[in-house]
Each structure stands twice: as structure tokens, then as C-alpha cells.
Amino acid sequence: AECRVWAVEDTSAGGQRRERVFAS
């Protein structure tokens, strides 16, 4: 299998560290 993370968005809010990750 091939895996690739192709986009990452920092969605941090209210002092919480958050991410939205797009991978294929």
C-alpha cells in the first residue's frame, strides 16, 4: 500500500491543539 499525507490544517481553538489531516 502507499500512504501519503497531502494536506494539514491547523484548527486549534480555545487553547486546544487541533489538526485536520488529509491523506490518501
mmCIF file of all heavy atoms, coordinates in Angstrom:
data_MODEL
# 
_entry.id   MODEL 
# 
loop_
_atom_site.group_PDB 
_atom_site.id 
_atom_site.type_symbol 
_atom_site.label_atom_id 
_atom_site.label_alt_id 
_atom_site.label_comp_id 
_atom_site.label_asym_id 
_atom_site.label_entity_id 
_atom_site.label_seq_id 
_atom_site.pdbx_PDB_ins_code 
_atom_site.Cartn_x 
_atom_site.Cartn_y 
_atom_site.Cartn_z 
_atom_site.occupancy 
_atom_site.B_iso_or_equiv 
_atom_site.pdbx_formal_charge 
_atom_site.auth_seq_id 
_atom_site.auth_comp_id 
_atom_site.auth_asym_id 
_atom_site.auth_atom_id 
_atom_site.pdbx_PDB_model_num 
ATOM 1   N N   . ALA A 1 1  ? 0.847   -1.187 0.000  1.00 0.00 ? 1  ALA A N   1 
ATOM 2   C CA  . ALA A 1 1  ? 0.000   0.000  0.000  1.00 0.00 ? 1  ALA A CA  1 
ATOM 3   C C   . ALA A 1 1  ? 0.878   1.230  0.000  1.00 0.00 ? 1  ALA A C   1 
ATOM 4   O O   . ALA A 1 1  ? 1.995   1.206  0.495  1.00 0.00 ? 1  ALA A O   1 
ATOM 5   C CB  . ALA A 1 1  ? -0.911  0.008  1.215  1.00 0.00 ? 1  ALA A CB  1 
ATOM 6   N N   . GLU A 1 2  ? 0.355   2.300  -0.546 1.00 0.00 ? 2  GLU A N   1 
ATOM 7   C CA  . GLU A 1 2  ? 1.035   3.575  -0.472 1.00 0.00 ? 2  GLU A CA  1 
ATOM 8   C C   . GLU A 1 2  ? 0.152   4.539  0.301  1.00 0.00 ? 2  GLU A C   1 
ATOM 9   O O   . GLU A 1 2  ? -1.045  4.628  0.059  1.00 0.00 ? 2  GLU A O   1 
ATOM 10  C CB  . GLU A 1 2  ? 1.331   4.130  -1.852 1.00 0.00 ? 2  GLU A CB  1 
ATOM 11  C CG  . GLU A 1 2  ? 2.135   5.398  -1.755 1.00 0.00 ? 2  GLU A CG  1 
ATOM 12  C CD  . GLU A 1 2  ? 2.972   5.672  -2.975 1.00 0.00 ? 2  GLU A CD  1 
ATOM 13  O OE1 . GLU A 1 2  ? 3.475   4.733  -3.578 1.00 0.00 ? 2  GLU A OE1 1 
ATOM 14  O OE2 . GLU A 1 2  ? 3.105   6.856  -3.298 1.00 0.00 ? 2  GLU A OE2 1 
ATOM 15  N N   . CYS A 1 3  ? 0.746   5.243  1.238  1.00 0.00 ? 3  CYS A N   1 
ATOM 16  C CA  . CYS A 1 3  ? 0.035   6.209  2.052  1.00 0.00 ? 3  CYS A CA  1 
ATOM 17  C C   . CYS A 1 3  ? 0.734   7.554  1.915  1.00 0.00 ? 3  CYS A C   1 
ATOM 18  O O   . CYS A 1 3  ? 1.968   7.602  1.931  1.00 0.00 ? 3  CYS A O   1 
ATOM 19  C CB  . CYS A 1 3  ? 0.040   5.753  3.513  1.00 0.00 ? 3  CYS A CB  1 
ATOM 20  S SG  . CYS A 1 3  ? -0.732  6.942  4.625  1.00 0.00 ? 3  CYS A SG  1 
ATOM 21  N N   . ARG A 1 4  ? -0.048  8.608  1.808  1.00 0.00 ? 4  ARG A N   1 
ATOM 22  C CA  . ARG A 1 4  ? 0.523   9.942  1.627  1.00 0.00 ? 4  ARG A CA  1 
ATOM 23  C C   . ARG A 1 4  ? -0.341  10.983 2.331  1.00 0.00 ? 4  ARG A C   1 
ATOM 24  O O   . ARG A 1 4  ? -1.534  11.073 2.063  1.00 0.00 ? 4  ARG A O   1 
ATOM 25  C CB  . ARG A 1 4  ? 0.594   10.239 0.143  1.00 0.00 ? 4  ARG A CB  1 
ATOM 26  C CG  . ARG A 1 4  ? 1.185   11.554 -0.184 1.00 0.00 ? 4  ARG A CG  1 
ATOM 27  C CD  . ARG A 1 4  ? 1.363   11.703 -1.694 1.00 0.00 ? 4  ARG A CD  1 
ATOM 28  N NE  . ARG A 1 4  ? 1.324   13.113 -1.984 1.00 0.00 ? 4  ARG A NE  1 
ATOM 29  C CZ  . ARG A 1 4  ? 0.593   13.670 -2.912 1.00 0.00 ? 4  ARG A CZ  1 
ATOM 30  N NH1 . ARG A 1 4  ? -0.164  12.941 -3.690 1.00 0.00 ? 4  ARG A NH1 1 
ATOM 31  N NH2 . ARG A 1 4  ? 0.612   14.956 -3.090 1.00 0.00 ? 4  ARG A NH2 1 
ATOM 32  N N   . VAL A 1 5  ? 0.251   11.741 3.234  1.00 0.00 ? 5  VAL A N   1 
ATOM 33  C CA  . VAL A 1 5  ? -0.434  12.895 3.826  1.00 0.00 ? 5  VAL A CA  1 
ATOM 34  C C   . VAL A 1 5  ? -0.220  14.048 2.861  1.00 0.00 ? 5  VAL A C   1 
ATOM 35  O O   . VAL A 1 5  ? 0.917   14.411 2.554  1.00 0.00 ? 5  VAL A O   1 
ATOM 36  C CB  . VAL A 1 5  ? 0.139   13.229 5.223  1.00 0.00 ? 5  VAL A CB  1 
ATOM 37  C CG1 . VAL A 1 5  ? -0.431  14.543 5.733  1.00 0.00 ? 5  VAL A CG1 1 
ATOM 38  C CG2 . VAL A 1 5  ? -0.162  12.102 6.203  1.00 0.00 ? 5  VAL A CG2 1 
ATOM 39  N N   . TRP A 1 6  ? -1.310  14.621 2.349  1.00 0.00 ? 6  TRP A N   1 
ATOM 40  C CA  . TRP A 1 6  ? -1.166  15.654 1.321  1.00 0.00 ? 6  TRP A CA  1 
ATOM 41  C C   . TRP A 1 6  ? -1.667  17.029 1.752  1.00 0.00 ? 6  TRP A C   1 
ATOM 42  O O   . TRP A 1 6  ? -1.442  18.004 1.045  1.00 0.00 ? 6  TRP A O   1 
ATOM 43  C CB  . TRP A 1 6  ? -1.794  15.219 0.009  1.00 0.00 ? 6  TRP A CB  1 
ATOM 44  C CG  . TRP A 1 6  ? -3.213  14.749 0.063  1.00 0.00 ? 6  TRP A CG  1 
ATOM 45  C CD1 . TRP A 1 6  ? -3.658  13.472 0.206  1.00 0.00 ? 6  TRP A CD1 1 
ATOM 46  C CD2 . TRP A 1 6  ? -4.393  15.552 -0.041 1.00 0.00 ? 6  TRP A CD2 1 
ATOM 47  N NE1 . TRP A 1 6  ? -5.029  13.429 0.203  1.00 0.00 ? 6  TRP A NE1 1 
ATOM 48  C CE2 . TRP A 1 6  ? -5.503  14.689 0.051  1.00 0.00 ? 6  TRP A CE2 1 
ATOM 49  C CE3 . TRP A 1 6  ? -4.617  16.919 -0.204 1.00 0.00 ? 6  TRP A CE3 1 
ATOM 50  C CZ2 . TRP A 1 6  ? -6.811  15.152 -0.023 1.00 0.00 ? 6  TRP A CZ2 1 
ATOM 51  C CZ3 . TRP A 1 6  ? -5.921  17.375 -0.273 1.00 0.00 ? 6  TRP A CZ3 1 
ATOM 52  C CH2 . TRP A 1 6  ? -7.004  16.492 -0.185 1.00 0.00 ? 6  TRP A CH2 1 
ATOM 53  N N   . ALA A 1 7  ? -2.301  17.148 2.884  1.00 0.00 ? 7  ALA A N   1 
ATOM 54  C CA  . ALA A 1 7  ? -2.675  18.481 3.385  1.00 0.00 ? 7  ALA A CA  1 
ATOM 55  C C   . ALA A 1 7  ? -2.903  18.400 4.890  1.00 0.00 ? 7  ALA A C   1 
ATOM 56  O O   . ALA A 1 7  ? -3.411  17.403 5.397  1.00 0.00 ? 7  ALA A O   1 
ATOM 57  C CB  . ALA A 1 7  ? -3.936  19.002 2.702  1.00 0.00 ? 7  ALA A CB  1 
ATOM 58  N N   . VAL A 1 8  ? -2.514  19.455 5.579  1.00 0.00 ? 8  VAL A N   1 
ATOM 59  C CA  . VAL A 1 8  ? -2.711  19.562 7.032  1.00 0.00 ? 8  VAL A CA  1 
ATOM 60  C C   . VAL A 1 8  ? -3.220  20.967 7.327  1.00 0.00 ? 8  VAL A C   1 
ATOM 61  O O   . VAL A 1 8  ? -2.659  21.943 6.832  1.00 0.00 ? 8  VAL A O   1 
ATOM 62  C CB  . VAL A 1 8  ? -1.396  19.312 7.806  1.00 0.00 ? 8  VAL A CB  1 
ATOM 63  C CG1 . VAL A 1 8  ? -1.607  19.506 9.301  1.00 0.00 ? 8  VAL A CG1 1 
ATOM 64  C CG2 . VAL A 1 8  ? -0.842  17.937 7.510  1.00 0.00 ? 8  VAL A CG2 1 
ATOM 65  N N   . GLU A 1 9  ? -4.273  21.064 8.109  1.00 0.00 ? 9  GLU A N   1 
ATOM 66  C CA  . GLU A 1 9  ? -4.808  22.358 8.522  1.00 0.00 ? 9  GLU A CA  1 
ATOM 67  C C   . GLU A 1 9  ? -4.791  22.449 10.038 1.00 0.00 ? 9  GLU A C   1 
ATOM 68  O O   . GLU A 1 9  ? -5.249  21.529 10.724 1.00 0.00 ? 9  GLU A O   1 
ATOM 69  C CB  . GLU A 1 9  ? -6.244  22.525 8.025  1.00 0.00 ? 9  GLU A CB  1 
ATOM 70  C CG  . GLU A 1 9  ? -6.370  22.507 6.526  1.00 0.00 ? 9  GLU A CG  1 
ATOM 71  C CD  . GLU A 1 9  ? -7.812  22.519 6.057  1.00 0.00 ? 9  GLU A CD  1 
ATOM 72  O OE1 . GLU A 1 9  ? -8.746  22.575 6.880  1.00 0.00 ? 9  GLU A OE1 1 
ATOM 73  O OE2 . GLU A 1 9  ? -8.000  22.461 4.841  1.00 0.00 ? 9  GLU A OE2 1 
ATOM 74  N N   . ASP A 1 10 ? -4.272  23.524 10.552 1.00 0.00 ? 10 ASP A N   1 
ATOM 75  C CA  . ASP A 1 10 ? -4.284  23.782 11.991 1.00 0.00 ? 10 ASP A CA  1 
ATOM 76  C C   . ASP A 1 10 ? -5.655  24.344 12.338 1.00 0.00 ? 10 ASP A C   1 
ATOM 77  O O   . ASP A 1 10 ? -6.032  25.414 11.870 1.00 0.00 ? 10 ASP A O   1 
ATOM 78  C CB  . ASP A 1 10 ? -3.185  24.773 12.352 1.00 0.00 ? 10 ASP A CB  1 
ATOM 79  C CG  . ASP A 1 10 ? -3.100  25.059 13.845 1.00 0.00 ? 10 ASP A CG  1 
ATOM 80  O OD1 . ASP A 1 10 ? -4.072  24.782 14.572 1.00 0.00 ? 10 ASP A OD1 1 
ATOM 81  O OD2 . ASP A 1 10 ? -2.059  25.560 14.276 1.00 0.00 ? 10 ASP A OD2 1 
ATOM 82  N N   . THR A 1 11 ? -6.423  23.608 13.135 1.00 0.00 ? 11 THR A N   1 
ATOM 83  C CA  . THR A 1 11 ? -7.764  24.052 13.524 1.00 0.00 ? 11 THR A CA  1 
ATOM 84  C C   . THR A 1 11 ? -7.831  24.314 15.026 1.00 0.00 ? 11 THR A C   1 
ATOM 85  O O   . THR A 1 11 ? -8.899  24.208 15.632 1.00 0.00 ? 11 THR A O   1 
ATOM 86  C CB  . THR A 1 11 ? -8.830  23.014 13.112 1.00 0.00 ? 11 THR A CB  1 
ATOM 87  O OG1 . THR A 1 11 ? -8.501  21.753 13.702 1.00 0.00 ? 11 THR A OG1 1 
ATOM 88  C CG2 . THR A 1 11 ? -8.909  22.868 11.601 1.00 0.00 ? 11 THR A CG2 1 
ATOM 89  N N   . SER A 1 12 ? -6.700  24.641 15.616 1.00 0.00 ? 12 SER A N   1 
ATOM 90  C CA  . SER A 1 12 ? -6.636  24.887 17.061 1.00 0.00 ? 12 SER A CA  1 
ATOM 91  C C   . SER A 1 12 ? -7.622  25.975 17.466 1.00 0.00 ? 12 SER A C   1 
ATOM 92  O O   . SER A 1 12 ? -7.823  26.945 16.737 1.00 0.00 ? 12 SER A O   1 
ATOM 93  C CB  . SER A 1 12 ? -5.227  25.311 17.465 1.00 0.00 ? 12 SER A CB  1 
ATOM 94  O OG  . SER A 1 12 ? -4.314  24.266 17.216 1.00 0.00 ? 12 SER A OG  1 
ATOM 95  N N   . ALA A 1 13 ? -8.232  25.772 18.641 1.00 0.00 ? 13 ALA A N   1 
ATOM 96  C CA  . ALA A 1 13 ? -9.213  26.730 19.159 1.00 0.00 ? 13 ALA A CA  1 
ATOM 97  C C   . ALA A 1 13 ? -9.326  26.568 20.668 1.00 0.00 ? 13 ALA A C   1 
ATOM 98  O O   . ALA A 1 13 ? -9.166  25.469 21.194 1.00 0.00 ? 13 ALA A O   1 
ATOM 99  C CB  . ALA A 1 13 ? -10.577 26.494 18.517 1.00 0.00 ? 13 ALA A CB  1 
ATOM 100 N N   . GLY A 1 14 ? -9.617  27.642 21.336 1.00 0.00 ? 14 GLY A N   1 
ATOM 101 C CA  . GLY A 1 14 ? -9.874  27.610 22.771 1.00 0.00 ? 14 GLY A CA  1 
ATOM 102 C C   . GLY A 1 14 ? -8.750  26.996 23.583 1.00 0.00 ? 14 GLY A C   1 
ATOM 103 O O   . GLY A 1 14 ? -9.008  26.308 24.553 1.00 0.00 ? 14 GLY A O   1 
ATOM 104 N N   . GLY A 1 15 ? -7.512  27.208 23.151 1.00 0.00 ? 15 GLY A N   1 
ATOM 105 C CA  . GLY A 1 15 ? -6.368  26.667 23.872 1.00 0.00 ? 15 GLY A CA  1 
ATOM 106 C C   . GLY A 1 15 ? -6.116  25.192 23.609 1.00 0.00 ? 15 GLY A C   1 
ATOM 107 O O   . GLY A 1 15 ? -5.219  24.606 24.205 1.00 0.00 ? 15 GLY A O   1 
ATOM 108 N N   . GLN A 1 16 ? -6.887  24.582 22.722 1.00 0.00 ? 16 GLN A N   1 
ATOM 109 C CA  . GLN A 1 16 ? -6.703  23.173 22.376 1.00 0.00 ? 16 GLN A CA  1 
ATOM 110 C C   . GLN A 1 16 ? -5.968  23.066 21.050 1.00 0.00 ? 16 GLN A C   1 
ATOM 111 O O   . GLN A 1 16 ? -6.304  23.766 20.095 1.00 0.00 ? 16 GLN A O   1 
ATOM 112 C CB  . GLN A 1 16 ? -8.044  22.465 22.277 1.00 0.00 ? 16 GLN A CB  1 
ATOM 113 C CG  . GLN A 1 16 ? -8.795  22.457 23.586 1.00 0.00 ? 16 GLN A CG  1 
ATOM 114 C CD  . GLN A 1 16 ? -10.221 21.974 23.412 1.00 0.00 ? 16 GLN A CD  1 
ATOM 115 O OE1 . GLN A 1 16 ? -10.748 21.933 22.315 1.00 0.00 ? 16 GLN A OE1 1 
ATOM 116 N NE2 . GLN A 1 16 ? -10.840 21.609 24.515 1.00 0.00 ? 16 GLN A NE2 1 
ATOM 117 N N   . ARG A 1 17 ? -4.989  22.176 21.008 1.00 0.00 ? 17 ARG A N   1 
ATOM 118 C CA  . ARG A 1 17 ? -4.234  21.937 19.775 1.00 0.00 ? 17 ARG A CA  1 
ATOM 119 C C   . ARG A 1 17 ? -4.994  20.926 18.925 1.00 0.00 ? 17 ARG A C   1 
ATOM 120 O O   . ARG A 1 17 ? -5.228  19.808 19.366 1.00 0.00 ? 17 ARG A O   1 
ATOM 121 C CB  . ARG A 1 17 ? -2.842  21.436 20.110 1.00 0.00 ? 17 ARG A CB  1 
ATOM 122 C CG  . ARG A 1 17 ? -2.018  22.502 20.818 1.00 0.00 ? 17 ARG A CG  1 
ATOM 123 C CD  . ARG A 1 17 ? -0.608  22.048 20.958 1.00 0.00 ? 17 ARG A CD  1 
ATOM 124 N NE  . ARG A 1 17 ? -0.190  21.545 19.650 1.00 0.00 ? 17 ARG A NE  1 
ATOM 125 C CZ  . ARG A 1 17 ? 1.018   21.655 19.153 1.00 0.00 ? 17 ARG A CZ  1 
ATOM 126 N NH1 . ARG A 1 17 ? 1.960   22.214 19.847 1.00 0.00 ? 17 ARG A NH1 1 
ATOM 127 N NH2 . ARG A 1 17 ? 1.324   21.183 17.970 1.00 0.00 ? 17 ARG A NH2 1 
ATOM 128 N N   . ARG A 1 18 ? -5.391  21.355 17.719 1.00 0.00 ? 18 ARG A N   1 
ATOM 129 C CA  . ARG A 1 18 ? -6.189  20.505 16.829 1.00 0.00 ? 18 ARG A CA  1 
ATOM 130 C C   . ARG A 1 18 ? -5.634  20.569 15.412 1.00 0.00 ? 18 ARG A C   1 
ATOM 131 O O   . ARG A 1 18 ? -5.082  21.580 15.001 1.00 0.00 ? 18 ARG A O   1 
ATOM 132 C CB  . ARG A 1 18 ? -7.640  20.969 16.797 1.00 0.00 ? 18 ARG A CB  1 
ATOM 133 C CG  . ARG A 1 18 ? -8.328  20.972 18.129 1.00 0.00 ? 18 ARG A CG  1 
ATOM 134 C CD  . ARG A 1 18 ? -9.745  21.455 17.979 1.00 0.00 ? 18 ARG A CD  1 
ATOM 135 N NE  . ARG A 1 18 ? -10.391 21.670 19.259 1.00 0.00 ? 18 ARG A NE  1 
ATOM 136 C CZ  . ARG A 1 18 ? -11.618 22.111 19.393 1.00 0.00 ? 18 ARG A CZ  1 
ATOM 137 N NH1 . ARG A 1 18 ? -12.344 22.404 18.333 1.00 0.00 ? 18 ARG A NH1 1 
ATOM 138 N NH2 . ARG A 1 18 ? -12.139 22.275 20.590 1.00 0.00 ? 18 ARG A NH2 1 
ATOM 139 N N   . GLU A 1 19 ? -5.834  19.476 14.677 1.00 0.00 ? 19 GLU A N   1 
ATOM 140 C CA  . GLU A 1 19 ? -5.464  19.424 13.261 1.00 0.00 ? 19 GLU A CA  1 
ATOM 141 C C   . GLU A 1 19 ? -6.548  18.717 12.465 1.00 0.00 ? 19 GLU A C   1 
ATOM 142 O O   . GLU A 1 19 ? -7.245  17.837 12.977 1.00 0.00 ? 19 GLU A O   1 
ATOM 143 C CB  . GLU A 1 19 ? -4.161  18.635 13.047 1.00 0.00 ? 19 GLU A CB  1 
ATOM 144 C CG  . GLU A 1 19 ? -2.913  19.394 13.263 1.00 0.00 ? 19 GLU A CG  1 
ATOM 145 C CD  . GLU A 1 19 ? -1.674  18.609 12.884 1.00 0.00 ? 19 GLU A CD  1 
ATOM 146 O OE1 . GLU A 1 19 ? -1.747  17.404 12.558 1.00 0.00 ? 19 GLU A OE1 1 
ATOM 147 O OE2 . GLU A 1 19 ? -0.603  19.225 12.924 1.00 0.00 ? 19 GLU A OE2 1 
ATOM 148 N N   . ARG A 1 20 ? -6.614  19.096 11.201 1.00 0.00 ? 20 ARG A N   1 
ATOM 149 C CA  . ARG A 1 20 ? -7.415  18.388 10.203 1.00 0.00 ? 20 ARG A CA  1 
ATOM 150 C C   . ARG A 1 20 ? -6.404  17.912 9.158  1.00 0.00 ? 20 ARG A C   1 
ATOM 151 O O   . ARG A 1 20 ? -5.669  18.719 8.605  1.00 0.00 ? 20 ARG A O   1 
ATOM 152 C CB  . ARG A 1 20 ? -8.448  19.322 9.586  1.00 0.00 ? 20 ARG A CB  1 
ATOM 153 C CG  . ARG A 1 20 ? -9.368  18.639 8.606  1.00 0.00 ? 20 ARG A CG  1 
ATOM 154 C CD  . ARG A 1 20 ? -10.431 19.585 8.093  1.00 0.00 ? 20 ARG A CD  1 
ATOM 155 N NE  . ARG A 1 20 ? -11.274 20.028 9.204  1.00 0.00 ? 20 ARG A NE  1 
ATOM 156 C CZ  . ARG A 1 20 ? -11.701 21.285 9.356  1.00 0.00 ? 20 ARG A CZ  1 
ATOM 157 N NH1 . ARG A 1 20 ? -11.373 22.212 8.506  1.00 0.00 ? 20 ARG A NH1 1 
ATOM 158 N NH2 . ARG A 1 20 ? -12.468 21.606 10.372 1.00 0.00 ? 20 ARG A NH2 1 
ATOM 159 N N   . VAL A 1 21 ? -6.357  16.593 8.935  1.00 0.00 ? 21 VAL A N   1 
ATOM 160 C CA  . VAL A 1 21 ? -5.345  15.988 8.080  1.00 0.00 ? 21 VAL A CA  1 
ATOM 161 C C   . VAL A 1 21 ? -6.025  15.275 6.916  1.00 0.00 ? 21 VAL A C   1 
ATOM 162 O O   . VAL A 1 21 ? -7.013  14.564 7.113  1.00 0.00 ? 21 VAL A O   1 
ATOM 163 C CB  . VAL A 1 21 ? -4.500  14.971 8.893  1.00 0.00 ? 21 VAL A CB  1 
ATOM 164 C CG1 . VAL A 1 21 ? -3.528  14.229 8.000  1.00 0.00 ? 21 VAL A CG1 1 
ATOM 165 C CG2 . VAL A 1 21 ? -3.777  15.670 10.024 1.00 0.00 ? 21 VAL A CG2 1 
ATOM 166 N N   . PHE A 1 22 ? -5.462  15.455 5.730  1.00 0.00 ? 22 PHE A N   1 
ATOM 167 C CA  . PHE A 1 22 ? -5.959  14.786 4.527  1.00 0.00 ? 22 PHE A CA  1 
ATOM 168 C C   . PHE A 1 22 ? -4.853  13.873 4.025  1.00 0.00 ? 22 PHE A C   1 
ATOM 169 O O   . PHE A 1 22 ? -3.729  14.320 3.802  1.00 0.00 ? 22 PHE A O   1 
ATOM 170 C CB  . PHE A 1 22 ? -6.354  15.806 3.459  1.00 0.00 ? 22 PHE A CB  1 
ATOM 171 C CG  . PHE A 1 22 ? -7.511  16.654 3.892  1.00 0.00 ? 22 PHE A CG  1 
ATOM 172 C CD1 . PHE A 1 22 ? -7.310  17.774 4.673  1.00 0.00 ? 22 PHE A CD1 1 
ATOM 173 C CD2 . PHE A 1 22 ? -8.809  16.289 3.563  1.00 0.00 ? 22 PHE A CD2 1 
ATOM 174 C CE1 . PHE A 1 22 ? -8.380  18.544 5.114  1.00 0.00 ? 22 PHE A CE1 1 
ATOM 175 C CE2 . PHE A 1 22 ? -9.884  17.053 4.003  1.00 0.00 ? 22 PHE A CE2 1 
ATOM 176 C CZ  . PHE A 1 22 ? -9.665  18.176 4.775  1.00 0.00 ? 22 PHE A CZ  1 
ATOM 177 N N   . ALA A 1 23 ? -5.175  12.595 3.892  1.00 0.00 ? 23 ALA A N   1 
ATOM 178 C CA  . ALA A 1 23 ? -4.206  11.608 3.442  1.00 0.00 ? 23 ALA A CA  1 
ATOM 179 C C   . ALA A 1 23 ? -4.866  10.718 2.404  1.00 0.00 ? 23 ALA A C   1 
ATOM 180 O O   . ALA A 1 23 ? -6.094  10.613 2.349  1.00 0.00 ? 23 ALA A O   1 
ATOM 181 C CB  . ALA A 1 23 ? -3.727  10.758 4.629  1.00 0.00 ? 23 ALA A CB  1 
ATOM 182 N N   . SER A 1 24 ? -4.049  10.077 1.586  1.00 0.00 ? 24 SER A N   1 
ATOM 183 C CA  . SER A 1 24 ? -4.592  9.117  0.628  1.00 0.00 ? 24 SER A CA  1 
ATOM 184 C C   . SER A 1 24 ? -3.884  7.786  0.803  1.00 0.00 ? 24 SER A C   1 
ATOM 185 O O   . SER A 1 24 ? -2.727  7.724  1.218  1.00 0.00 ? 24 SER A O   1 
ATOM 186 C CB  . SER A 1 24 ? -4.454  9.616  -0.810 1.00 0.00 ? 24 SER A CB  1 
ATOM 187 O OG  . SER A 1 24 ? -3.095  9.745  -1.160 1.00 0.00 ? 24 SER A OG  1 
# 
